[in-house]
Amino acid sequence: MNKVVIVTGAGRGIGAETAKLLASQGYAVCVNYLKNRRRANQVVEDITQSGGVAFAYQADVSQEDQVQAMFRAVTEHFGEVTHLVNNAGILFTQSTLNQISVERFKNVLDSNVISCFVCCKTFINQLSEHSQGAIVNVSSAASRSGAPFEYVDYAASKGAMDSLTKGLSLELAARGIRVNGVRPGCIYTEMHADGGEPDRVDRLASQLPMQRGGTAQEVAEAIAWLLSDSASYVTGSFIELAGGR
């Protein structure tokens, strides 16, 4: 079976490392991005130089029409999409809840939850009747902690993603379509700069049982395993990548 995967938000961080790892494992990869074409094209170039197959596609994955167009483009390039990684997401500057605007909260929900819903729906509907496949949703340890004084809106969005993951896994289990999640914790990515504290992982590392932050590559390895046939009896499950916290 040809393995065809869409990785959303794949221009940097966990998404980029996941796209490159999956390509090295024989997947044909769609590197989805929203704004930074240069970064997405660099991921594609890294993949092709290593002998893999990939192309970049710009789409706002919170918009159903754009997601459907992306799936059609991938199908034209590679055939039916067999795997999906919902990685796209945003967070804003650290804040207590009482300082978060309704507009910000809605933006976070659109980017982190609606995008996951739309991509999952489109993925399911494009599969032929007897096709199997797998979805991995990239959540966060914040869904368990609530991220007080920093990102309660982000944490709430990831909690919603976890509920979607569990419910959808039960809807699709009998069809042989697996749905799982990963919950990264303090991982060295550029997203912390989006929140206004680029060195956040270094600040928190000593508080973790493992005494260090994690890497995007470590998260990518977990995602790849959940997508693989090695995890063929795993669905509705979450891998915690939070250094023991």
Protein backbone atom coordinates (compact mmCIF):
# COMPACT_ATOMS: atom_id res chain seq x y z
CA MET A 1 0.00 0.00 0.00
CA ASN A 2 1.24 3.47 -0.83
CA LYS A 3 1.60 5.55 2.33
CA VAL A 4 0.48 9.14 1.77
CA VAL A 5 0.47 11.61 4.65
CA ILE A 6 -0.52 15.22 5.20
CA VAL A 7 1.31 16.93 8.05
CA THR A 8 -0.30 20.24 8.95
CA GLY A 9 1.85 23.08 10.19
CA ALA A 10 4.92 21.31 8.84
CA GLY A 11 7.12 24.30 8.08
CA ARG A 12 8.86 24.27 11.46
CA GLY A 13 9.28 22.49 14.76
CA ILE A 14 7.48 19.23 15.43
CA GLY A 15 5.69 19.32 12.08
CA ALA A 16 8.89 19.72 10.09
CA GLU A 17 10.69 16.94 11.96
CA THR A 18 7.67 14.67 11.55
CA ALA A 19 7.45 15.32 7.81
CA LYS A 20 11.14 14.51 7.34
CA LEU A 21 11.02 11.39 9.48
CA LEU A 22 7.92 10.02 7.74
CA ALA A 23 9.47 10.69 4.33
CA SER A 24 12.52 8.66 5.40
CA GLN A 25 10.14 5.81 6.25
CA GLY A 26 8.64 5.73 2.78
CA TYR A 27 5.66 8.06 3.06
CA ALA A 28 4.82 10.50 0.31
CA VAL A 29 4.43 13.74 2.27
CA CYS A 30 2.38 16.88 1.89
CA VAL A 31 4.08 19.66 3.86
CA ASN A 32 1.21 21.96 4.79
CA TYR A 33 1.94 25.53 5.81
CA LEU A 34 0.03 28.77 6.33
CA LYS A 35 2.42 31.66 5.73
CA ASN A 36 6.09 30.80 5.49
CA ARG A 37 6.58 29.35 2.01
CA ARG A 38 10.36 29.51 2.31
CA ARG A 39 10.46 27.33 5.41
CA ALA A 40 8.04 24.79 3.94
CA ASN A 41 10.04 24.60 0.73
CA GLN A 42 13.19 24.03 2.77
CA VAL A 43 11.53 21.03 4.45
CA VAL A 44 10.61 19.67 1.02
CA GLU A 45 14.16 20.23 -0.22
CA ASP A 46 15.58 18.40 2.81
CA ILE A 47 13.26 15.49 2.08
CA THR A 48 14.02 15.25 -1.64
CA GLN A 49 17.76 15.55 -1.09
CA SER A 50 17.50 12.55 1.22
CA GLY A 51 15.67 10.54 -1.43
CA GLY A 52 12.13 11.14 -0.21
CA VAL A 53 9.02 12.42 -1.94
CA ALA A 54 7.19 15.57 -0.85
CA PHE A 55 5.60 18.81 -1.91
CA ALA A 56 4.47 21.91 -0.03
CA TYR A 57 0.89 23.16 0.00
CA GLN A 58 -0.39 26.43 1.45
CA ALA A 59 -3.74 26.20 3.21
CA ASP A 60 -5.47 27.66 6.23
CA VAL A 61 -6.55 24.36 7.72
CA SER A 62 -9.32 25.97 9.75
CA GLN A 63 -11.11 26.66 6.44
CA GLU A 64 -12.97 23.66 5.05
CA ASP A 65 -12.79 24.70 1.41
CA GLN A 66 -9.02 25.13 1.60
CA VAL A 67 -8.61 21.77 3.34
CA GLN A 68 -10.70 20.02 0.71
CA ALA A 69 -8.62 21.63 -2.04
CA MET A 70 -5.45 20.45 -0.32
CA PHE A 71 -6.68 16.87 -0.14
CA ARG A 72 -7.60 16.97 -3.83
CA ALA A 73 -4.14 18.24 -4.69
CA VAL A 74 -2.46 15.52 -2.65
CA THR A 75 -4.64 12.86 -4.27
CA GLU A 76 -3.64 14.14 -7.71
CA HIS A 77 0.04 14.00 -6.74
CA PHE A 78 0.20 10.77 -4.77
CA GLY A 79 -3.17 9.04 -4.60
CA GLU A 80 -5.52 8.57 -1.66
CA VAL A 81 -4.38 10.12 1.61
CA THR A 82 -3.79 7.26 4.05
CA HIS A 83 -2.38 9.08 7.07
CA LEU A 84 -2.90 12.46 8.72
CA VAL A 85 -0.98 14.41 11.35
CA ASN A 86 -2.90 17.34 12.82
CA ASN A 87 -0.04 19.47 14.09
CA ALA A 88 -1.02 23.02 13.11
CA GLY A 89 -1.67 25.31 16.04
CA ILE A 90 -1.02 28.68 17.60
CA LEU A 91 -0.58 30.31 20.98
CA PHE A 92 -0.32 33.92 21.98
CA THR A 93 1.60 35.91 24.59
CA GLN A 94 1.50 34.55 28.13
CA SER A 95 -1.47 35.95 30.03
CA THR A 96 -3.93 35.27 32.81
CA LEU A 97 -7.42 34.36 31.66
CA ASN A 98 -8.96 37.69 32.68
CA GLN A 99 -6.68 39.47 30.20
CA ILE A 100 -7.53 37.19 27.25
CA SER A 101 -9.85 38.73 24.70
CA VAL A 102 -12.76 36.86 23.17
CA GLU A 103 -11.16 37.42 19.76
CA ARG A 104 -7.93 35.77 20.89
CA PHE A 105 -9.78 32.80 22.40
CA LYS A 106 -11.76 32.30 19.20
CA ASN A 107 -8.59 32.50 17.11
CA VAL A 108 -6.98 29.81 19.23
CA LEU A 109 -10.02 27.56 18.94
CA ASP A 110 -10.18 28.03 15.17
CA SER A 111 -6.50 27.30 14.66
CA ASN A 112 -6.18 24.42 17.11
CA VAL A 113 -9.59 22.73 17.27
CA ILE A 114 -11.58 23.61 14.15
CA SER A 115 -8.53 22.78 12.01
CA CYS A 116 -8.30 19.34 13.59
CA PHE A 117 -12.02 18.74 13.12
CA VAL A 118 -12.03 19.88 9.49
CA CYS A 119 -8.95 17.86 8.55
CA CYS A 120 -10.26 14.72 10.28
CA LYS A 121 -13.64 15.06 8.57
CA THR A 122 -12.09 15.57 5.16
CA PHE A 123 -9.67 12.69 5.67
CA ILE A 124 -12.46 10.28 6.58
CA ASN A 125 -14.72 11.34 3.72
CA GLN A 126 -12.02 10.93 1.06
CA LEU A 127 -11.19 7.35 2.07
CA SER A 128 -12.70 4.67 -0.11
CA GLU A 129 -15.11 2.25 1.54
CA HIS A 130 -12.62 -0.41 2.63
CA SER A 131 -9.56 1.78 3.08
CA GLN A 132 -7.78 1.85 6.39
CA GLY A 133 -5.64 4.63 7.75
CA ALA A 134 -4.39 6.45 10.82
CA ILE A 135 -4.59 9.90 12.36
CA VAL A 136 -2.34 11.41 15.00
CA ASN A 137 -3.42 14.64 16.70
CA VAL A 138 -0.69 16.73 18.30
CA SER A 139 -2.12 17.89 21.62
CA SER A 140 -0.14 19.18 24.60
CA ALA A 141 0.59 18.42 28.22
CA ALA A 142 -1.19 21.74 28.79
CA SER A 143 -4.47 19.90 28.25
CA ARG A 144 -3.80 18.22 31.61
CA SER A 145 -2.19 21.11 33.51
CA GLY A 146 -4.49 23.88 32.29
CA ALA A 147 -1.45 26.14 31.74
CA PRO A 148 -2.45 28.64 34.46
CA PHE A 149 -1.05 32.17 34.26
CA GLU A 150 0.23 31.47 30.77
CA TYR A 151 -2.07 29.89 28.17
CA VAL A 152 -5.42 28.77 29.55
CA ASP A 153 -6.97 29.36 26.12
CA TYR A 154 -4.33 27.14 24.47
CA ALA A 155 -4.79 24.47 27.14
CA ALA A 156 -8.56 24.52 26.64
CA SER A 157 -8.14 24.06 22.90
CA LYS A 158 -5.89 21.06 23.44
CA GLY A 159 -8.39 19.59 25.90
CA ALA A 160 -11.00 19.83 23.15
CA MET A 161 -8.61 18.13 20.74
CA ASP A 162 -8.17 15.28 23.22
CA SER A 163 -11.95 14.78 23.44
CA LEU A 164 -12.22 14.81 19.66
CA THR A 165 -9.43 12.25 19.45
CA LYS A 166 -11.12 9.88 21.88
CA GLY A 167 -14.59 10.17 20.41
CA LEU A 168 -13.45 9.83 16.81
CA SER A 169 -11.29 6.83 17.64
CA LEU A 170 -14.41 5.01 18.86
CA GLU A 171 -16.45 6.02 15.81
CA LEU A 172 -13.79 4.69 13.43
CA ALA A 173 -12.38 1.67 15.26
CA ALA A 174 -14.55 -0.90 13.49
CA ARG A 175 -13.46 0.51 10.11
CA GLY A 176 -9.81 -0.07 10.91
CA ILE A 177 -9.02 3.64 11.05
CA ARG A 178 -6.95 4.43 14.11
CA VAL A 179 -6.93 7.82 15.89
CA ASN A 180 -4.39 8.63 18.57
CA GLY A 181 -2.73 11.65 20.14
CA VAL A 182 0.58 12.83 21.50
CA ARG A 183 0.93 15.30 24.35
CA PRO A 184 4.28 17.11 24.17
CA GLY A 185 5.38 19.08 27.20
CA CYS A 186 8.46 21.32 27.36
CA ILE A 187 9.85 20.83 23.88
CA TYR A 188 12.51 22.98 22.24
CA THR A 189 10.56 24.64 19.42
CA GLU A 190 10.02 28.16 18.16
CA MET A 191 6.47 28.22 19.51
CA HIS A 192 7.71 29.42 22.90
CA ALA A 193 8.88 32.63 21.23
CA ASP A 194 5.31 33.13 20.00
CA GLY A 195 4.29 33.16 23.64
CA GLY A 196 6.86 35.81 24.47
CA GLU A 197 9.43 33.61 26.25
CA PRO A 198 11.89 31.97 23.83
CA ASP A 199 13.86 30.40 26.71
CA ARG A 200 10.82 28.97 28.52
CA VAL A 201 12.04 25.36 28.23
CA ASP A 202 15.38 26.23 29.83
CA ARG A 203 13.55 27.95 32.70
CA LEU A 204 11.34 24.94 33.38
CA ALA A 205 13.74 22.07 32.61
CA SER A 206 15.08 21.74 36.16
CA GLN A 207 11.52 21.31 37.46
CA LEU A 208 10.92 18.23 35.31
CA PRO A 209 11.60 14.72 36.61
CA MET A 210 13.96 14.10 33.68
CA GLN A 211 15.72 17.44 34.28
CA ARG A 212 15.68 18.47 30.62
CA GLY A 213 13.49 19.65 27.80
CA GLY A 214 12.51 17.43 24.91
CA THR A 215 13.22 17.71 21.20
CA ALA A 216 10.96 17.90 18.19
CA GLN A 217 12.66 14.77 16.90
CA GLU A 218 11.58 12.84 19.99
CA VAL A 219 7.96 13.87 19.41
CA ALA A 220 8.23 12.97 15.72
CA GLU A 221 9.38 9.46 16.65
CA ALA A 222 6.26 8.94 18.76
CA ILE A 223 4.01 10.25 16.00
CA ALA A 224 5.64 7.97 13.44
CA TRP A 225 5.17 4.95 15.70
CA LEU A 226 1.48 5.67 16.22
CA LEU A 227 0.98 5.96 12.46
CA SER A 228 2.87 2.75 11.76
CA ASP A 229 1.70 -0.85 11.59
CA SER A 230 3.70 -1.45 14.77
CA ALA A 231 0.86 0.35 16.56
CA SER A 232 -1.85 -1.59 14.73
CA TYR A 233 -3.76 -2.40 17.95
CA VAL A 234 -3.53 1.12 19.39
CA THR A 235 -6.38 3.59 19.08
CA GLY A 236 -7.88 6.24 21.33
CA SER A 237 -4.57 6.45 23.17
CA PHE A 238 -2.17 9.24 24.07
CA ILE A 239 1.60 9.24 24.39
CA GLU A 240 2.87 11.68 26.98
CA LEU A 241 6.13 13.39 25.97
CA ALA A 242 6.61 15.62 28.98
CA GLY A 243 9.72 14.36 30.73
CA GLY A 244 7.73 12.63 33.46
CA ARG A 245 5.51 15.55 34.42
